[in-house]
Amino acid sequence: MRFADQKIRVALALIVAFVLTPHRTAAQNAPVLVSADWLAKNLKDPKVVVIHSAQQRSDYDAGHVPGSRWLPWTTYTVSIPQGLSTQLPSPEQLDSALKTLGINDETHIVISGGPIQTSGRLFYTLEYMGLAGRVSLLDGGIDAWREAGRPTERTESKAVTRGNVTVHPVASKLADAAFVNANASTAGVSILDARLPEFYLGESSGGQPRAGHIPGANNVPFAWLTGEVSIFRDKAKLQRLFDQAGVKKGNKVVTYCHIGMQASALYVASRILGYETAVYDGSFEEWSRKSELPVVGKP
């Protein structure tokens, strides 16, 4: 009888695991991008939470995807006076902010808002904090949502039950100046500059102490990643840009820009293509200040 009871308990455990696994698997395998049509069909799914990304609250108040939750810009970026701009927040700071929004470990987060530098920055931050596979970007953001004729609302979403999400920073998704300097010419590592060509070539300093780019870096301007309404170009076109920049299959990609925002948009494109990717968060703002580090500029 005891053996029979044990068999029943095992069977029940397997049934529970089978029932619970689909939700967990779905959250862990969320695509990098979702369309406005996909979001409209899944908007009432309690496991889908839309976060509106913008630097100003007025952007959210002007109209957002129904039910979207507002996450203040300052909760996922840190800028220190006389220091570096838009740096990653502490895990504790973001953990608390996400829990306040009702985010759980099973939640599929969809980022709306825009532009792609801003929404991409939140996407990168969440993946760095260990939520890869549980966060997607609404392709084209709020503009694509409106363009598709979807309704918006201006009222704030209702209060929600505090979530239980736990963040776990993934060190491999963050690069520093030492790593970039040591690996700029390393086979298997591709350093990509997301700035516009005028800054990459050193024709303009962009307000930085020195003009030019990091030696060994190739240019994939963030503005080339999207077409109409900031929708990402298809994979074939994105791959062509990466191929032209010398990125080989299996390479680790490290992106940078002025202060890490355009680099975050390029991070998203790299993830769409399936590359292991990191962001040099200090970007050229930090690199150009370090006089001991080399810069390739206009002759």
C-alpha atoms as a PDB file:
ATOM      1  CA  MET A   1       0.000   0.000   0.000  1.00  0.00           C
ATOM      2  CA  ARG A   2       2.854   2.328   0.840  1.00  0.00           C
ATOM      3  CA  PHE A   3       4.382   1.666  -2.585  1.00  0.00           C
ATOM      4  CA  ALA A   4       1.035   2.457  -4.209  1.00  0.00           C
ATOM      5  CA  ASP A   5       0.783   5.705  -2.216  1.00  0.00           C
ATOM      6  CA  GLN A   6       4.273   6.648  -3.305  1.00  0.00           C
ATOM      7  CA  LYS A   7       3.357   6.031  -6.943  1.00  0.00           C
ATOM      8  CA  ILE A   8       0.299   8.263  -6.550  1.00  0.00           C
ATOM      9  CA  ARG A   9       2.377  11.049  -5.014  1.00  0.00           C
ATOM     10  CA  VAL A  10       4.913  10.853  -7.849  1.00  0.00           C
ATOM     11  CA  ALA A  11       2.133  10.907 -10.429  1.00  0.00           C
ATOM     12  CA  LEU A  12       0.541  13.958  -8.802  1.00  0.00           C
ATOM     13  CA  ALA A  13       3.886  15.742  -8.713  1.00  0.00           C
ATOM     14  CA  LEU A  14       4.391  15.085 -12.416  1.00  0.00           C
ATOM     15  CA  ILE A  15       0.917  16.398 -13.197  1.00  0.00           C
ATOM     16  CA  VAL A  16       1.555  19.596 -11.221  1.00  0.00           C
ATOM     17  CA  ALA A  17       4.898  20.084 -12.972  1.00  0.00           C
ATOM     18  CA  PHE A  18       3.255  19.552 -16.351  1.00  0.00           C
ATOM     19  CA  VAL A  19       0.552  22.129 -15.594  1.00  0.00           C
ATOM     20  CA  LEU A  20       2.963  24.749 -14.291  1.00  0.00           C
ATOM     21  CA  THR A  21       5.767  24.331 -16.803  1.00  0.00           C
ATOM     22  CA  PRO A  22       4.066  25.896 -19.882  1.00  0.00           C
ATOM     23  CA  HIS A  23       3.739  29.291 -18.192  1.00  0.00           C
ATOM     24  CA  ARG A  24       7.285  29.240 -16.924  1.00  0.00           C
ATOM     25  CA  THR A  25       8.628  28.102 -20.281  1.00  0.00           C
ATOM     26  CA  ALA A  26       6.635  30.740 -22.158  1.00  0.00           C
ATOM     27  CA  ALA A  27       8.003  33.507 -19.944  1.00  0.00           C
ATOM     28  CA  GLN A  28      11.582  32.276 -20.282  1.00  0.00           C
ATOM     29  CA  ASN A  29      11.330  32.136 -24.074  1.00  0.00           C
ATOM     30  CA  ALA A  30       9.775  35.535 -24.762  1.00  0.00           C
ATOM     31  CA  PRO A  31      10.901  36.913 -28.152  1.00  0.00           C
ATOM     32  CA  VAL A  32      13.045  40.040 -28.332  1.00  0.00           C
ATOM     33  CA  LEU A  33      10.338  41.806 -30.379  1.00  0.00           C
ATOM     34  CA  VAL A  34       6.553  41.589 -30.403  1.00  0.00           C
ATOM     35  CA  SER A  35       4.251  43.332 -32.868  1.00  0.00           C
ATOM     36  CA  ALA A  36       1.322  45.620 -32.144  1.00  0.00           C
ATOM     37  CA  ASP A  37      -0.989  42.836 -33.366  1.00  0.00           C
ATOM     38  CA  TRP A  38       0.571  40.343 -30.960  1.00  0.00           C
ATOM     39  CA  LEU A  39       0.247  42.742 -28.043  1.00  0.00           C
ATOM     40  CA  ALA A  40      -3.389  43.528 -28.868  1.00  0.00           C
ATOM     41  CA  LYS A  41      -4.194  39.804 -28.780  1.00  0.00           C
ATOM     42  CA  ASN A  42      -2.345  39.222 -25.509  1.00  0.00           C
ATOM     43  CA  LEU A  43      -3.040  42.465 -23.676  1.00  0.00           C
ATOM     44  CA  LYS A  44      -5.535  40.867 -21.279  1.00  0.00           C
ATOM     45  CA  ASP A  45      -3.209  38.011 -20.362  1.00  0.00           C
ATOM     46  CA  PRO A  46      -2.527  38.552 -16.624  1.00  0.00           C
ATOM     47  CA  LYS A  47       1.051  37.391 -17.127  1.00  0.00           C
ATOM     48  CA  VAL A  48       1.727  40.148 -19.697  1.00  0.00           C
ATOM     49  CA  VAL A  49       2.685  43.509 -18.192  1.00  0.00           C
ATOM     50  CA  VAL A  50       3.337  46.511 -20.412  1.00  0.00           C
ATOM     51  CA  ILE A  51       5.827  49.115 -19.184  1.00  0.00           C
ATOM     52  CA  HIS A  52       5.859  52.488 -20.910  1.00  0.00           C
ATOM     53  CA  SER A  53       9.428  53.761 -21.248  1.00  0.00           C
ATOM     54  CA  ALA A  54      10.058  57.478 -21.630  1.00  0.00           C
ATOM     55  CA  GLN A  55      12.297  60.089 -20.070  1.00  0.00           C
ATOM     56  CA  GLN A  56       9.355  62.322 -19.181  1.00  0.00           C
ATOM     57  CA  ARG A  57       6.133  61.416 -17.374  1.00  0.00           C
ATOM     58  CA  SER A  58       4.284  63.741 -19.794  1.00  0.00           C
ATOM     59  CA  ASP A  59       4.963  61.225 -22.588  1.00  0.00           C
ATOM     60  CA  TYR A  60       3.083  58.553 -20.650  1.00  0.00           C
ATOM     61  CA  ASP A  61       0.276  60.960 -19.761  1.00  0.00           C
ATOM     62  CA  ALA A  62      -0.148  61.947 -23.423  1.00  0.00           C
ATOM     63  CA  GLY A  63      -1.318  58.437 -24.284  1.00  0.00           C
ATOM     64  CA  HIS A  64      -0.122  54.891 -23.728  1.00  0.00           C
ATOM     65  CA  VAL A  65      -1.108  51.300 -24.437  1.00  0.00           C
ATOM     66  CA  PRO A  66      -4.149  50.554 -22.226  1.00  0.00           C
ATOM     67  CA  GLY A  67      -3.040  49.168 -18.876  1.00  0.00           C
ATOM     68  CA  SER A  68       0.582  50.235 -19.319  1.00  0.00           C
ATOM     69  CA  ARG A  69       2.497  50.910 -16.143  1.00  0.00           C
ATOM     70  CA  TRP A  70       4.798  53.861 -15.678  1.00  0.00           C
ATOM     71  CA  LEU A  71       8.400  53.232 -14.650  1.00  0.00           C
ATOM     72  CA  PRO A  72      10.262  56.487 -13.946  1.00  0.00           C
ATOM     73  CA  TRP A  73      13.405  57.008 -16.001  1.00  0.00           C
ATOM     74  CA  THR A  74      15.426  57.585 -12.825  1.00  0.00           C
ATOM     75  CA  THR A  75      14.679  54.058 -11.587  1.00  0.00           C
ATOM     76  CA  TYR A  76      16.669  52.440 -14.380  1.00  0.00           C
ATOM     77  CA  THR A  77      19.315  55.055 -15.171  1.00  0.00           C
ATOM     78  CA  VAL A  78      21.759  56.821 -12.901  1.00  0.00           C
ATOM     79  CA  SER A  79      23.575  60.037 -13.839  1.00  0.00           C
ATOM     80  CA  ILE A  80      26.037  61.587 -11.426  1.00  0.00           C
ATOM     81  CA  PRO A  81      26.919  65.301 -11.701  1.00  0.00           C
ATOM     82  CA  GLN A  82      30.451  65.614 -13.082  1.00  0.00           C
ATOM     83  CA  GLY A  83      30.376  61.833 -13.515  1.00  0.00           C
ATOM     84  CA  LEU A  84      29.091  59.479 -16.201  1.00  0.00           C
ATOM     85  CA  SER A  85      25.609  59.683 -17.674  1.00  0.00           C
ATOM     86  CA  THR A  86      22.836  57.057 -17.809  1.00  0.00           C
ATOM     87  CA  GLN A  87      24.646  54.340 -15.926  1.00  0.00           C
ATOM     88  CA  LEU A  88      22.996  51.151 -14.691  1.00  0.00           C
ATOM     89  CA  PRO A  89      21.078  51.386 -11.406  1.00  0.00           C
ATOM     90  CA  SER A  90      21.804  49.200  -8.431  1.00  0.00           C
ATOM     91  CA  PRO A  91      20.035  45.816  -8.437  1.00  0.00           C
ATOM     92  CA  GLU A  92      18.244  46.808  -5.232  1.00  0.00           C
ATOM     93  CA  GLN A  93      16.857  49.989  -6.781  1.00  0.00           C
ATOM     94  CA  LEU A  94      15.467  48.247  -9.859  1.00  0.00           C
ATOM     95  CA  ASP A  95      14.254  45.228  -7.887  1.00  0.00           C
ATOM     96  CA  SER A  96      12.127  47.468  -5.688  1.00  0.00           C
ATOM     97  CA  ALA A  97      10.754  49.463  -8.648  1.00  0.00           C
ATOM     98  CA  LEU A  98       9.736  46.329 -10.534  1.00  0.00           C
ATOM     99  CA  LYS A  99       8.053  44.804  -7.500  1.00  0.00           C
ATOM    100  CA  THR A 100       6.083  48.032  -7.044  1.00  0.00           C
ATOM    101  CA  LEU A 101       4.782  47.566 -10.603  1.00  0.00           C
ATOM    102  CA  GLY A 102       3.583  44.069  -9.722  1.00  0.00           C
ATOM    103  CA  ILE A 103       6.271  42.235 -11.697  1.00  0.00           C
ATOM    104  CA  ASN A 104       6.638  38.551 -10.805  1.00  0.00           C
ATOM    105  CA  ASP A 105       9.135  35.908 -11.850  1.00  0.00           C
ATOM    106  CA  GLU A 106       6.529  34.546 -14.291  1.00  0.00           C
ATOM    107  CA  THR A 107       5.712  37.935 -15.828  1.00  0.00           C
ATOM    108  CA  HIS A 108       6.283  38.580 -19.524  1.00  0.00           C
ATOM    109  CA  ILE A 109       7.303  42.242 -19.641  1.00  0.00           C
ATOM    110  CA  VAL A 110       6.594  44.154 -22.857  1.00  0.00           C
ATOM    111  CA  ILE A 111       8.262  47.557 -23.220  1.00  0.00           C
ATOM    112  CA  SER A 112       6.342  50.228 -25.068  1.00  0.00           C
ATOM    113  CA  GLY A 113       7.042  53.952 -25.376  1.00  0.00           C
ATOM    114  CA  GLY A 114      10.014  55.217 -27.335  1.00  0.00           C
ATOM    115  CA  PRO A 115      12.269  56.232 -28.950  1.00  0.00           C
ATOM    116  CA  ILE A 116      14.326  53.081 -29.417  1.00  0.00           C
ATOM    117  CA  GLN A 117      17.282  54.545 -27.509  1.00  0.00           C
ATOM    118  CA  THR A 118      15.041  54.869 -24.449  1.00  0.00           C
ATOM    119  CA  SER A 119      13.025  51.673 -24.777  1.00  0.00           C
ATOM    120  CA  GLY A 120      16.186  49.824 -25.807  1.00  0.00           C
ATOM    121  CA  ARG A 121      17.908  51.109 -22.695  1.00  0.00           C
ATOM    122  CA  LEU A 122      15.221  49.617 -20.468  1.00  0.00           C
ATOM    123  CA  PHE A 123      15.313  46.362 -22.459  1.00  0.00           C
ATOM    124  CA  TYR A 124      19.077  46.109 -21.974  1.00  0.00           C
ATOM    125  CA  THR A 125      18.851  46.981 -18.292  1.00  0.00           C
ATOM    126  CA  LEU A 126      16.251  44.276 -17.651  1.00  0.00           C
ATOM    127  CA  GLU A 127      18.285  41.662 -19.527  1.00  0.00           C
ATOM    128  CA  TYR A 128      21.418  42.672 -17.623  1.00  0.00           C
ATOM    129  CA  MET A 129      19.433  42.225 -14.421  1.00  0.00           C
ATOM    130  CA  GLY A 130      18.741  38.600 -15.337  1.00  0.00           C
ATOM    131  CA  LEU A 131      15.350  38.862 -17.035  1.00  0.00           C
ATOM    132  CA  ALA A 132      16.423  37.742 -20.516  1.00  0.00           C
ATOM    133  CA  GLY A 133      13.697  35.573 -22.008  1.00  0.00           C
ATOM    134  CA  ARG A 134      11.075  37.358 -19.927  1.00  0.00           C
ATOM    135  CA  VAL A 135      11.152  40.774 -21.607  1.00  0.00           C
ATOM    136  CA  SER A 136      10.163  41.883 -25.113  1.00  0.00           C
ATOM    137  CA  LEU A 137      10.173  45.180 -26.962  1.00  0.00           C
ATOM    138  CA  LEU A 138       7.031  46.386 -28.742  1.00  0.00           C
ATOM    139  CA  ASP A 139       8.410  46.815 -32.262  1.00  0.00           C
ATOM    140  CA  GLY A 140       7.937  50.458 -33.191  1.00  0.00           C
ATOM    141  CA  GLY A 141       6.815  51.368 -29.681  1.00  0.00           C
ATOM    142  CA  ILE A 142       3.799  53.554 -29.016  1.00  0.00           C
ATOM    143  CA  ASP A 143       4.042  55.092 -32.500  1.00  0.00           C
ATOM    144  CA  ALA A 144       3.543  51.711 -34.177  1.00  0.00           C
ATOM    145  CA  TRP A 145       0.669  50.990 -31.790  1.00  0.00           C
ATOM    146  CA  ARG A 146      -1.059  54.230 -32.809  1.00  0.00           C
ATOM    147  CA  GLU A 147      -0.220  53.684 -36.479  1.00  0.00           C
ATOM    148  CA  ALA A 148      -2.024  50.339 -36.308  1.00  0.00           C
ATOM    149  CA  GLY A 149      -5.155  52.153 -35.136  1.00  0.00           C
ATOM    150  CA  ARG A 150      -5.007  50.737 -31.631  1.00  0.00           C
ATOM    151  CA  PRO A 151      -6.601  52.649 -28.736  1.00  0.00           C
ATOM    152  CA  THR A 152      -4.592  54.509 -26.114  1.00  0.00           C
ATOM    153  CA  GLU A 153      -5.475  55.769 -22.672  1.00  0.00           C
ATOM    154  CA  ARG A 154      -4.265  58.655 -20.558  1.00  0.00           C
ATOM    155  CA  THR A 155      -5.206  57.463 -17.109  1.00  0.00           C
ATOM    156  CA  GLU A 156      -2.718  55.669 -14.877  1.00  0.00           C
ATOM    157  CA  SER A 157      -3.213  51.936 -14.425  1.00  0.00           C
ATOM    158  CA  LYS A 158      -4.867  50.744 -11.230  1.00  0.00           C
ATOM    159  CA  ALA A 159      -2.851  49.907  -8.134  1.00  0.00           C
ATOM    160  CA  VAL A 160      -1.439  46.394  -8.310  1.00  0.00           C
ATOM    161  CA  THR A 161      -0.353  43.756  -5.840  1.00  0.00           C
ATOM    162  CA  ARG A 162       3.349  43.988  -5.085  1.00  0.00           C
ATOM    163  CA  GLY A 163       5.313  41.524  -7.190  1.00  0.00           C
ATOM    164  CA  ASN A 164       7.894  38.938  -6.204  1.00  0.00           C
ATOM    165  CA  VAL A 165      10.470  39.276  -8.993  1.00  0.00           C
ATOM    166  CA  THR A 166      14.120  38.892  -8.053  1.00  0.00           C
ATOM    167  CA  VAL A 167      16.870  40.363 -10.182  1.00  0.00           C
ATOM    168  CA  HIS A 168      20.254  38.700 -10.684  1.00  0.00           C
ATOM    169  CA  PRO A 169      22.787  40.824 -12.624  1.00  0.00           C
ATOM    170  CA  VAL A 170      24.536  38.982 -15.448  1.00  0.00           C
ATOM    171  CA  ALA A 171      28.136  40.182 -15.479  1.00  0.00           C
ATOM    172  CA  SER A 172      28.774  39.010 -19.058  1.00  0.00           C
ATOM    173  CA  LYS A 173      26.293  41.568 -20.386  1.00  0.00           C
ATOM    174  CA  LEU A 174      28.325  44.506 -19.099  1.00  0.00           C
ATOM    175  CA  ALA A 175      31.718  45.548 -20.464  1.00  0.00           C
ATOM    176  CA  ASP A 176      34.128  48.080 -19.000  1.00  0.00           C
ATOM    177  CA  ALA A 177      36.985  50.096 -20.491  1.00  0.00           C
ATOM    178  CA  ALA A 178      39.559  47.489 -19.460  1.00  0.00           C
ATOM    179  CA  PHE A 179      37.711  44.702 -21.284  1.00  0.00           C
ATOM    180  CA  VAL A 180      37.235  46.785 -24.418  1.00  0.00           C
ATOM    181  CA  ASN A 181      40.878  47.891 -24.447  1.00  0.00           C
ATOM    182  CA  ALA A 182      42.091  44.315 -24.000  1.00  0.00           C
ATOM    183  CA  ASN A 183      39.773  42.815 -26.614  1.00  0.00           C
ATOM    184  CA  ALA A 184      39.451  45.439 -29.354  1.00  0.00           C
ATOM    185  CA  SER A 185      41.584  43.251 -31.644  1.00  0.00           C
ATOM    186  CA  THR A 186      40.692  39.866 -30.184  1.00  0.00           C
ATOM    187  CA  ALA A 187      39.337  37.268 -32.587  1.00  0.00           C
ATOM    188  CA  GLY A 188      35.783  36.391 -31.664  1.00  0.00           C
ATOM    189  CA  VAL A 189      35.002  39.804 -30.170  1.00  0.00           C
ATOM    190  CA  SER A 190      33.365  42.584 -32.201  1.00  0.00           C
ATOM    191  CA  ILE A 191      33.283  46.127 -30.822  1.00  0.00           C
ATOM    192  CA  LEU A 192      30.496  48.130 -32.461  1.00  0.00           C
ATOM    193  CA  ASP A 193      30.036  51.899 -32.326  1.00  0.00           C
ATOM    194  CA  ALA A 194      26.346  52.869 -32.508  1.00  0.00           C
ATOM    195  CA  ARG A 195      26.910  56.596 -33.098  1.00  0.00           C
ATOM    196  CA  LEU A 196      26.327  58.399 -36.373  1.00  0.00           C
ATOM    197  CA  PRO A 197      29.286  58.372 -38.806  1.00  0.00           C
ATOM    198  CA  GLU A 198      30.265  62.001 -38.113  1.00  0.00           C
ATOM    199  CA  PHE A 199      31.081  61.067 -34.518  1.00  0.00           C
ATOM    200  CA  TYR A 200      32.668  57.722 -35.355  1.00  0.00           C
ATOM    201  CA  LEU A 201      34.946  59.366 -37.939  1.00  0.00           C
ATOM    202  CA  GLY A 202      35.920  62.170 -35.577  1.00  0.00           C
ATOM    203  CA  GLU A 203      34.354  64.965 -37.607  1.00  0.00           C
ATOM    204  CA  SER A 204      32.528  66.027 -34.428  1.00  0.00           C
ATOM    205  CA  SER A 205      33.390  65.350 -30.811  1.00  0.00           C
ATOM    206  CA  GLY A 206      29.759  65.345 -29.710  1.00  0.00           C
ATOM    207  CA  GLY A 207      30.810  67.400 -26.708  1.00  0.00           C
ATOM    208  CA  GLN A 208      33.338  64.804 -25.547  1.00  0.00           C
ATOM    209  CA  PRO A 209      36.962  65.633 -24.633  1.00  0.00           C
ATOM    210  CA  ARG A 210      38.284  63.861 -27.737  1.00  0.00           C
ATOM    211  CA  ALA A 211      36.794  63.046 -31.130  1.00  0.00           C
ATOM    212  CA  GLY A 212      36.958  59.738 -32.949  1.00  0.00           C
ATOM    213  CA  HIS A 213      36.344  56.111 -32.031  1.00  0.00           C
ATOM    214  CA  ILE A 214      37.816  53.223 -30.084  1.00  0.00           C
ATOM    215  CA  PRO A 215      40.545  51.444 -32.070  1.00  0.00           C
ATOM    216  CA  GLY A 216      39.247  48.247 -33.637  1.00  0.00           C
ATOM    217  CA  ALA A 217      35.596  49.333 -33.395  1.00  0.00           C
ATOM    218  CA  ASN A 218      33.367  49.278 -36.467  1.00  0.00           C
ATOM    219  CA  ASN A 219      30.395  51.537 -37.063  1.00  0.00           C
ATOM    220  CA  VAL A 220      26.764  50.351 -37.126  1.00  0.00           C
ATOM    221  CA  PRO A 221      24.777  53.585 -36.599  1.00  0.00           C
ATOM    222  CA  PHE A 222      21.665  53.065 -34.494  1.00  0.00           C
ATOM    223  CA  ALA A 223      19.655  55.166 -36.963  1.00  0.00           C
ATOM    224  CA  TRP A 224      20.210  52.481 -39.633  1.00  0.00           C
ATOM    225  CA  LEU A 225      18.539  49.777 -37.542  1.00  0.00           C
ATOM    226  CA  THR A 226      14.964  50.874 -38.067  1.00  0.00           C
ATOM    227  CA  GLY A 227      12.711  51.975 -40.889  1.00  0.00           C
ATOM    228  CA  GLU A 228       9.301  53.578 -40.827  1.00  0.00           C
ATOM    229  CA  VAL A 229       7.791  54.283 -37.392  1.00  0.00           C
ATOM    230  CA  SER A 230      11.003  53.012 -35.754  1.00  0.00           C
ATOM    231  CA  ILE A 231      10.201  49.388 -36.588  1.00  0.00           C
ATOM    232  CA  PHE A 232      13.338  47.257 -36.725  1.00  0.00           C
ATOM    233  CA  ARG A 233      14.465  46.182 -40.171  1.00  0.00           C
ATOM    234  CA  ASP A 234      14.073  42.497 -40.954  1.00  0.00           C
ATOM    235  CA  LYS A 235      16.749  40.062 -39.869  1.00  0.00           C
ATOM    236  CA  ALA A 236      18.343  39.827 -43.317  1.00  0.00           C
ATOM    237  CA  LYS A 237      18.938  43.582 -43.453  1.00  0.00           C
ATOM    238  CA  LEU A 238      20.181  43.731 -39.883  1.00  0.00           C
ATOM    239  CA  GLN A 239      22.507  40.817 -40.567  1.00  0.00           C
ATOM    240  CA  ARG A 240      23.877  42.624 -43.607  1.00  0.00           C
ATOM    241  CA  LEU A 241      24.808  45.607 -41.425  1.00  0.00           C
ATOM    242  CA  PHE A 242      26.581  43.322 -38.976  1.00  0.00           C
ATOM    243  CA  ASP A 243      28.329  41.434 -41.784  1.00  0.00           C
ATOM    244  CA  GLN A 244      29.579  44.707 -43.236  1.00  0.00           C
ATOM    245  CA  ALA A 245      30.948  45.590 -39.795  1.00  0.00           C
ATOM    246  CA  GLY A 246      32.940  42.356 -39.782  1.00  0.00           C
ATOM    247  CA  VAL A 247      30.872  40.533 -37.163  1.00  0.00           C
ATOM    248  CA  LYS A 248      31.352  36.800 -37.581  1.00  0.00           C
ATOM    249  CA  LYS A 249      28.935  34.075 -36.565  1.00  0.00           C
ATOM    250  CA  GLY A 250      29.568  33.172 -32.937  1.00  0.00           C
ATOM    251  CA  ASN A 251      31.328  36.433 -32.078  1.00  0.00           C
ATOM    252  CA  LYS A 252      30.660  38.226 -28.827  1.00  0.00           C
ATOM    253  CA  VAL A 253      29.388  41.714 -29.620  1.00  0.00           C
ATOM    254  CA  VAL A 254      30.109  44.739 -27.421  1.00  0.00           C
ATOM    255  CA  THR A 255      28.234  47.939 -28.246  1.00  0.00           C
ATOM    256  CA  TYR A 256      28.972  51.514 -27.213  1.00  0.00           C
ATOM    257  CA  CYS A 257      27.961  55.056 -28.198  1.00  0.00           C
ATOM    258  CA  HIS A 258      28.077  58.469 -26.506  1.00  0.00           C
ATOM    259  CA  ILE A 259      26.563  57.554 -23.124  1.00  0.00           C
ATOM    260  CA  GLY A 260      25.088  54.068 -23.573  1.00  0.00           C
ATOM    261  CA  MET A 261      21.623  54.746 -24.994  1.00  0.00           C
ATOM    262  CA  GLN A 262      22.194  54.335 -28.737  1.00  0.00           C
ATOM    263  CA  ALA A 263      24.375  51.384 -27.774  1.00  0.00           C
ATOM    264  CA  SER A 264      21.314  49.860 -26.099  1.00  0.00           C
ATOM    265  CA  ALA A 265      19.340  50.101 -29.366  1.00  0.00           C
ATOM    266  CA  LEU A 266      22.218  48.320 -31.102  1.00  0.00           C
ATOM    267  CA  TYR A 267      22.215  45.767 -28.271  1.00  0.00           C
ATOM    268  CA  VAL A 268      18.587  44.964 -29.144  1.00  0.00           C
ATOM    269  CA  ALA A 269      19.480  44.480 -32.828  1.00  0.00           C
ATOM    270  CA  SER A 270      22.348  42.202 -31.847  1.00  0.00           C
ATOM    271  CA  ARG A 271      20.032  40.154 -29.659  1.00  0.00           C
ATOM    272  CA  ILE A 272      17.507  39.878 -32.499  1.00  0.00           C
ATOM    273  CA  LEU A 273      20.287  38.263 -34.526  1.00  0.00           C
ATOM    274  CA  GLY A 274      21.169  35.909 -31.685  1.00  0.00           C
ATOM    275  CA  TYR A 275      24.619  37.189 -30.729  1.00  0.00           C
ATOM    276  CA  GLU A 276      25.984  37.078 -27.211  1.00  0.00           C
ATOM    277  CA  THR A 277      26.022  40.793 -26.471  1.00  0.00           C
ATOM    278  CA  ALA A 278      27.239  43.267 -23.869  1.00  0.00           C
ATOM    279  CA  VAL A 279      27.158  47.045 -23.568  1.00  0.00           C
ATOM    280  CA  TYR A 280      30.176  49.158 -22.690  1.00  0.00           C
ATOM    281  CA  ASP A 281      28.145  51.332 -20.353  1.00  0.00           C
ATOM    282  CA  GLY A 282      30.738  54.064 -19.885  1.00  0.00           C
ATOM    283  CA  SER A 283      30.880  54.355 -23.682  1.00  0.00           C
ATOM    284  CA  PHE A 284      32.826  57.128 -25.388  1.00  0.00           C
ATOM    285  CA  GLU A 285      31.983  59.555 -22.590  1.00  0.00           C
ATOM    286  CA  GLU A 286      34.280  57.560 -20.316  1.00  0.00           C
ATOM    287  CA  TRP A 287      36.787  56.418 -22.965  1.00  0.00           C
ATOM    288  CA  SER A 288      37.493  59.918 -24.276  1.00  0.00           C
ATOM    289  CA  ARG A 289      38.170  61.182 -20.750  1.00  0.00           C
ATOM    290  CA  LYS A 290      40.869  58.590 -20.144  1.00  0.00           C
ATOM    291  CA  SER A 291      43.887  60.131 -21.842  1.00  0.00           C
ATOM    292  CA  GLU A 292      45.841  56.902 -21.527  1.00  0.00           C
ATOM    293  CA  LEU A 293      43.382  55.138 -23.856  1.00  0.00           C
ATOM    294  CA  PRO A 294      43.912  55.449 -27.628  1.00  0.00           C
ATOM    295  CA  VAL A 295      41.428  57.105 -29.984  1.00  0.00           C
ATOM    296  CA  VAL A 296      41.243  56.869 -33.767  1.00  0.00           C
ATOM    297  CA  GLY A 297      40.179  60.269 -35.092  1.00  0.00           C
ATOM    298  CA  LYS A 298      40.162  62.416 -38.165  1.00  0.00           C
ATOM    299  CA  PRO A 299      43.709  62.884 -39.528  1.00  0.00           C
END
